[in-house]
Protein backbone atom coordinates (compact mmCIF):
# COMPACT_ATOMS: atom_id res chain seq x y z
CA MET A 1 -15.05 31.66 18.20
CA SER A 2 -12.96 30.02 20.94
CA ILE A 3 -9.63 28.27 20.37
CA TYR A 4 -11.37 24.96 21.19
CA SER A 5 -13.97 25.50 18.47
CA ARG A 6 -11.20 26.24 15.97
CA ILE A 7 -9.29 23.10 16.95
CA MET A 8 -12.42 20.96 16.59
CA ARG A 9 -13.12 22.53 13.18
CA VAL A 10 -9.61 21.65 11.95
CA VAL A 11 -9.41 18.08 13.27
CA GLY A 12 -13.08 17.10 13.09
CA THR A 13 -13.46 16.59 9.34
CA GLU A 14 -14.72 13.00 9.26
CA TRP A 15 -18.42 12.96 10.03
CA CYS A 16 -19.90 9.48 9.57
CA GLY A 17 -18.53 8.88 6.09
CA SER A 18 -19.78 12.14 4.62
CA ASP A 19 -18.17 13.70 1.57
CA THR A 20 -16.17 16.05 3.78
CA VAL A 21 -13.39 13.46 4.15
CA PRO A 22 -10.31 14.91 2.40
CA HIS A 23 -9.17 13.10 -0.75
CA SER A 24 -5.75 12.34 0.75
CA ARG A 25 -7.28 10.07 3.39
CA THR A 26 -8.91 7.76 0.86
CA LEU A 27 -6.97 5.92 -1.83
CA TYR A 28 -8.77 4.58 -4.90
CA TYR A 29 -6.72 2.20 -7.05
CA ALA A 30 -7.37 0.07 -10.12
CA ASP A 31 -8.69 -3.45 -9.67
CA ASP A 32 -6.91 -4.63 -12.84
CA GLY A 33 -3.73 -5.61 -10.97
CA SER A 34 -1.77 -2.54 -12.10
CA GLY A 35 -2.11 -0.81 -8.73
CA HIS A 36 -2.49 2.60 -10.39
CA GLU A 37 -4.53 5.23 -8.60
CA VAL A 38 -7.88 6.03 -10.20
CA GLU A 39 -10.36 8.85 -9.89
CA ARG A 40 -12.13 9.28 -6.55
CA GLY A 41 -15.51 7.59 -6.61
CA SER A 42 -14.66 5.22 -9.46
CA ARG A 43 -16.87 2.14 -9.16
CA ASP A 44 -14.19 -0.09 -10.75
CA ALA A 45 -11.67 0.40 -7.96
CA TYR A 46 -10.43 -0.89 -4.66
CA VAL A 47 -10.41 1.51 -1.73
CA ILE A 48 -8.19 2.00 1.31
CA ALA A 49 -9.71 4.56 3.66
CA SER A 50 -9.15 6.12 7.03
CA ASN A 51 -12.25 6.09 9.21
CA ASN A 52 -13.36 7.01 12.75
CA ASP A 53 -11.10 10.09 12.96
CA GLY A 54 -8.12 8.16 11.65
CA PHE A 55 -8.39 5.44 14.28
CA GLU A 56 -9.36 2.70 11.81
CA LEU A 57 -8.18 1.58 8.37
CA TRP A 58 -10.79 0.14 6.01
CA PHE A 59 -10.30 -1.97 2.85
CA GLY A 60 -12.85 -2.71 0.15
CA THR A 61 -14.60 -1.29 -2.89
CA PRO A 62 -16.90 1.73 -3.18
CA GLN A 63 -19.83 -0.70 -2.85
CA ASN A 64 -18.59 -3.06 -0.12
CA TRP A 65 -16.09 -3.09 2.76
CA TYR A 66 -14.07 -6.31 3.09
CA HIS A 67 -11.96 -5.70 6.18
CA HIS A 68 -11.08 -3.05 8.72
CA MET A 69 -8.37 -2.69 11.34
CA ASN A 70 -8.10 -0.65 14.52
CA GLN A 71 -5.08 1.48 15.43
CA ARG A 72 -3.22 -1.34 17.20
CA GLU A 73 -3.63 -3.68 14.22
CA VAL A 74 -2.54 -0.93 11.79
CA ARG A 75 0.63 -0.43 13.85
CA LEU A 76 1.35 -4.18 13.66
CA LEU A 77 0.72 -4.18 9.90
CA THR A 78 2.98 -1.14 9.44
CA LYS A 79 5.76 -2.77 11.46
CA TYR A 80 5.40 -5.96 9.43
CA LEU A 81 5.38 -4.14 6.08
CA LEU A 82 8.33 -1.89 6.87
CA TRP A 83 10.59 -4.14 8.93
CA ASP A 84 9.70 -7.80 8.33
CA TRP A 85 8.68 -7.57 4.68
CA TYR A 86 10.57 -4.63 3.15
CA VAL A 87 13.78 -4.71 5.21
CA LYS A 88 14.18 -8.38 6.21
CA ALA A 89 12.42 -10.25 3.39
CA ARG A 90 13.19 -7.92 0.45
CA TRP A 91 16.48 -6.39 1.68
CA LEU A 92 15.23 -2.86 0.89
CA GLY A 93 14.32 -3.96 -2.62
CA LEU A 94 17.81 -5.32 -3.38
CA ARG A 95 17.25 -9.03 -2.82
CA ARG A 96 15.68 -9.76 -6.21
CA PRO A 97 18.19 -7.78 -8.33
CA ILE A 98 21.10 -9.35 -6.43
CA TYR A 99 19.71 -12.85 -6.94
CA TYR A 100 19.24 -12.38 -10.69
CA TRP A 101 22.67 -10.76 -11.04
CA ALA A 102 24.24 -13.82 -9.32
CA LEU A 103 22.11 -16.22 -11.39
CA HIS A 104 23.27 -14.52 -14.59
CA LYS A 105 26.92 -14.71 -13.49
CA HIS A 106 26.52 -18.36 -12.45
CA LEU A 107 25.02 -19.31 -15.81
CA GLN A 108 27.80 -17.53 -17.67
CA GLN A 109 30.21 -20.30 -16.64
CA TRP A 110 28.11 -22.86 -18.54
CA ARG A 111 28.16 -20.97 -21.82
CA ARG A 112 30.50 -21.97 -24.58
CA LYS A 113 32.65 -19.39 -26.18
CA SER A 114 30.20 -19.40 -29.09
CA GLY A 115 27.55 -18.03 -26.70
CA ARG A 116 25.34 -21.15 -26.67
CA VAL A 117 24.49 -23.06 -23.50
CA ALA A 118 26.36 -26.39 -23.17
CA ARG A 119 24.28 -29.55 -22.83
């Protein structure tokens, strides 16, 4: 077997949606809002899957695809999720805890010494 055949055997695992797609390239998660991963093939799940040799990202259910994105669009989504949403909008996950800490401290000034809120 030539080196080229070996390379194609290693990287060519996605053949037209067959069952040879590794489990790590398809994410099944609960459709109950919990976002927990569920067993592969579960009919009561949402699916995020890599397709077309990793060039596309597909979203849907095991019965129906809702949307797919090519590599350029996935890069834009990744940039948005990491930089614009997680870093700038959420401050690395600190924005919400900081806000509620400040809100708690702000409301403390309105409490009477008895612990009840003044009206």
